[in-house]
Amino acid sequence: MAIVQVPASSLADVPPGPYVCQQVHAEGQDAVRLKRLGVCQGRMIELVGRGDPMIVKIGASRVGLSRQLAKLVVVDSVSDSKSSPPSPSLPETLPASAF
């Protein structure tokens, strides 16, 4: 039996559910904004609601993410990402320089 690898999709194109962030194709302020929200490679992300903004659960927080930014985030479904590294944890507090 052959194993079929499903290609990764952008967060803007997937149905609600849990995903693992594989890549972030953002630059400049978009990259900074996504990183501050906790969107980075290896992070577990749950798409809660579609629309614009999209409702995304990252860790214990729910945030609204514009569809434009969601298109820059490449994700795989959790079941397809069993070999992915564990999600890095966020620090309890962010340094003032993060804002």
C-alpha atoms as a PDB file:
ATOM      1  CA  MET A   1       0.000   0.000   0.000  1.00  0.00           C
ATOM      2  CA  ALA A   2       1.435   3.376  -1.029  1.00  0.00           C
ATOM      3  CA  ILE A   3       1.476   6.323   1.360  1.00  0.00           C
ATOM      4  CA  VAL A   4       0.196   9.472  -0.277  1.00  0.00           C
ATOM      5  CA  GLN A   5       1.723  12.679   1.072  1.00  0.00           C
ATOM      6  CA  VAL A   6      -0.783  15.524   1.038  1.00  0.00           C
ATOM      7  CA  PRO A   7       0.939  18.828   0.209  1.00  0.00           C
ATOM      8  CA  ALA A   8       0.860  21.576   2.813  1.00  0.00           C
ATOM      9  CA  SER A   9      -1.709  24.336   2.365  1.00  0.00           C
ATOM     10  CA  SER A  10      -1.978  27.935   3.446  1.00  0.00           C
ATOM     11  CA  LEU A  11      -3.932  28.571   6.623  1.00  0.00           C
ATOM     12  CA  ALA A  12      -6.380  30.643   4.559  1.00  0.00           C
ATOM     13  CA  ASP A  13      -7.336  27.594   2.438  1.00  0.00           C
ATOM     14  CA  VAL A  14      -7.958  24.884   5.046  1.00  0.00           C
ATOM     15  CA  PRO A  15     -11.120  23.944   6.955  1.00  0.00           C
ATOM     16  CA  PRO A  16     -11.363  24.553  10.714  1.00  0.00           C
ATOM     17  CA  GLY A  17      -9.285  22.151  12.788  1.00  0.00           C
ATOM     18  CA  PRO A  18      -5.824  21.613  14.297  1.00  0.00           C
ATOM     19  CA  TYR A  19      -2.689  22.183  12.248  1.00  0.00           C
ATOM     20  CA  VAL A  20       1.076  22.446  12.594  1.00  0.00           C
ATOM     21  CA  CYS A  21       2.781  25.496  11.103  1.00  0.00           C
ATOM     22  CA  GLN A  22       5.357  24.300   8.562  1.00  0.00           C
ATOM     23  CA  GLN A  23       6.564  27.653   7.207  1.00  0.00           C
ATOM     24  CA  VAL A  24       5.854  31.354   7.368  1.00  0.00           C
ATOM     25  CA  HIS A  25       6.415  33.163   4.045  1.00  0.00           C
ATOM     26  CA  ALA A  26       6.267  36.680   5.468  1.00  0.00           C
ATOM     27  CA  GLU A  27       8.764  39.520   5.442  1.00  0.00           C
ATOM     28  CA  GLY A  28       9.088  42.831   7.242  1.00  0.00           C
ATOM     29  CA  GLN A  29       6.216  43.940   9.453  1.00  0.00           C
ATOM     30  CA  ASP A  30       4.069  40.940   8.495  1.00  0.00           C
ATOM     31  CA  ALA A  31       6.781  38.565   9.755  1.00  0.00           C
ATOM     32  CA  VAL A  32       7.131  40.546  12.988  1.00  0.00           C
ATOM     33  CA  ARG A  33       3.369  40.621  13.547  1.00  0.00           C
ATOM     34  CA  LEU A  34       2.987  36.860  13.017  1.00  0.00           C
ATOM     35  CA  LYS A  35       5.925  36.054  15.268  1.00  0.00           C
ATOM     36  CA  ARG A  36       4.539  38.254  18.054  1.00  0.00           C
ATOM     37  CA  LEU A  37       1.261  36.373  17.788  1.00  0.00           C
ATOM     38  CA  GLY A  38       3.180  33.109  18.189  1.00  0.00           C
ATOM     39  CA  VAL A  39       2.866  31.946  14.585  1.00  0.00           C
ATOM     40  CA  CYS A  40       6.163  30.233  13.824  1.00  0.00           C
ATOM     41  CA  GLN A  41       7.466  26.959  12.395  1.00  0.00           C
ATOM     42  CA  GLY A  42       6.488  23.945  14.490  1.00  0.00           C
ATOM     43  CA  ARG A  43       3.719  25.743  16.386  1.00  0.00           C
ATOM     44  CA  MET A  44       0.364  24.036  16.881  1.00  0.00           C
ATOM     45  CA  ILE A  45      -2.399  26.251  15.459  1.00  0.00           C
ATOM     46  CA  GLU A  46      -6.115  25.572  15.559  1.00  0.00           C
ATOM     47  CA  LEU A  47      -8.309  27.282  12.996  1.00  0.00           C
ATOM     48  CA  VAL A  48     -11.524  27.953  14.906  1.00  0.00           C
ATOM     49  CA  GLY A  49     -13.455  30.110  12.452  1.00  0.00           C
ATOM     50  CA  ARG A  50     -13.124  31.068   8.811  1.00  0.00           C
ATOM     51  CA  GLY A  51     -13.847  34.532   7.502  1.00  0.00           C
ATOM     52  CA  ASP A  52     -11.930  37.768   7.556  1.00  0.00           C
ATOM     53  CA  PRO A  53     -10.558  37.932  10.148  1.00  0.00           C
ATOM     54  CA  MET A  54     -10.029  34.223  10.697  1.00  0.00           C
ATOM     55  CA  ILE A  55     -10.240  33.079  14.328  1.00  0.00           C
ATOM     56  CA  VAL A  56      -7.116  31.134  15.277  1.00  0.00           C
ATOM     57  CA  LYS A  57      -6.221  29.490  18.574  1.00  0.00           C
ATOM     58  CA  ILE A  58      -2.503  29.703  19.356  1.00  0.00           C
ATOM     59  CA  GLY A  59      -1.627  28.203  22.715  1.00  0.00           C
ATOM     60  CA  ALA A  60      -4.322  29.356  25.148  1.00  0.00           C
ATOM     61  CA  SER A  61      -5.183  32.497  23.164  1.00  0.00           C
ATOM     62  CA  ARG A  62      -7.651  33.140  20.377  1.00  0.00           C
ATOM     63  CA  VAL A  63      -6.766  35.858  17.914  1.00  0.00           C
ATOM     64  CA  GLY A  64      -8.242  37.341  14.773  1.00  0.00           C
ATOM     65  CA  LEU A  65      -5.891  36.899  11.835  1.00  0.00           C
ATOM     66  CA  SER A  66      -6.542  38.629   8.522  1.00  0.00           C
ATOM     67  CA  ARG A  67      -6.962  36.351   5.530  1.00  0.00           C
ATOM     68  CA  GLN A  68      -4.039  38.191   3.893  1.00  0.00           C
ATOM     69  CA  LEU A  69      -1.704  37.164   6.744  1.00  0.00           C
ATOM     70  CA  ALA A  70      -3.190  33.654   6.902  1.00  0.00           C
ATOM     71  CA  LYS A  71      -2.198  33.134   3.245  1.00  0.00           C
ATOM     72  CA  LEU A  72       1.451  33.519   4.314  1.00  0.00           C
ATOM     73  CA  VAL A  73       1.266  30.638   6.818  1.00  0.00           C
ATOM     74  CA  VAL A  74       1.821  27.118   5.434  1.00  0.00           C
ATOM     75  CA  VAL A  75       0.271  24.375   7.574  1.00  0.00           C
ATOM     76  CA  ASP A  76      -0.126  20.593   7.638  1.00  0.00           C
ATOM     77  CA  SER A  77      -2.920  18.809   9.426  1.00  0.00           C
ATOM     78  CA  VAL A  78      -1.885  17.331  12.757  1.00  0.00           C
ATOM     79  CA  SER A  79      -2.343  13.755  11.505  1.00  0.00           C
ATOM     80  CA  ASP A  80       0.042  14.442   8.571  1.00  0.00           C
ATOM     81  CA  SER A  81       2.697  15.969  10.846  1.00  0.00           C
ATOM     82  CA  LYS A  82       3.514  13.154  13.253  1.00  0.00           C
ATOM     83  CA  SER A  83       7.231  13.598  12.584  1.00  0.00           C
ATOM     84  CA  SER A  84       7.180  17.363  13.186  1.00  0.00           C
ATOM     85  CA  PRO A  85       9.161  18.794  16.069  1.00  0.00           C
ATOM     86  CA  PRO A  86       7.213  19.667  19.216  1.00  0.00           C
ATOM     87  CA  SER A  87       5.692  23.104  19.438  1.00  0.00           C
ATOM     88  CA  PRO A  88       8.041  25.569  21.118  1.00  0.00           C
ATOM     89  CA  SER A  89       6.589  27.090  24.252  1.00  0.00           C
ATOM     90  CA  LEU A  90       6.086  30.792  24.693  1.00  0.00           C
ATOM     91  CA  PRO A  91       7.706  32.533  27.652  1.00  0.00           C
ATOM     92  CA  GLU A  92       5.375  33.475  30.496  1.00  0.00           C
ATOM     93  CA  THR A  93       6.085  37.148  29.837  1.00  0.00           C
ATOM     94  CA  LEU A  94       7.394  38.888  26.766  1.00  0.00           C
ATOM     95  CA  PRO A  95      10.222  41.392  27.053  1.00  0.00           C
ATOM     96  CA  ALA A  96       9.244  45.032  26.555  1.00  0.00           C
ATOM     97  CA  SER A  97      11.358  45.067  23.384  1.00  0.00           C
ATOM     98  CA  ALA A  98       8.859  42.630  21.789  1.00  0.00           C
ATOM     99  CA  PHE A  99       6.338  45.434  21.516  1.00  0.00           C
END
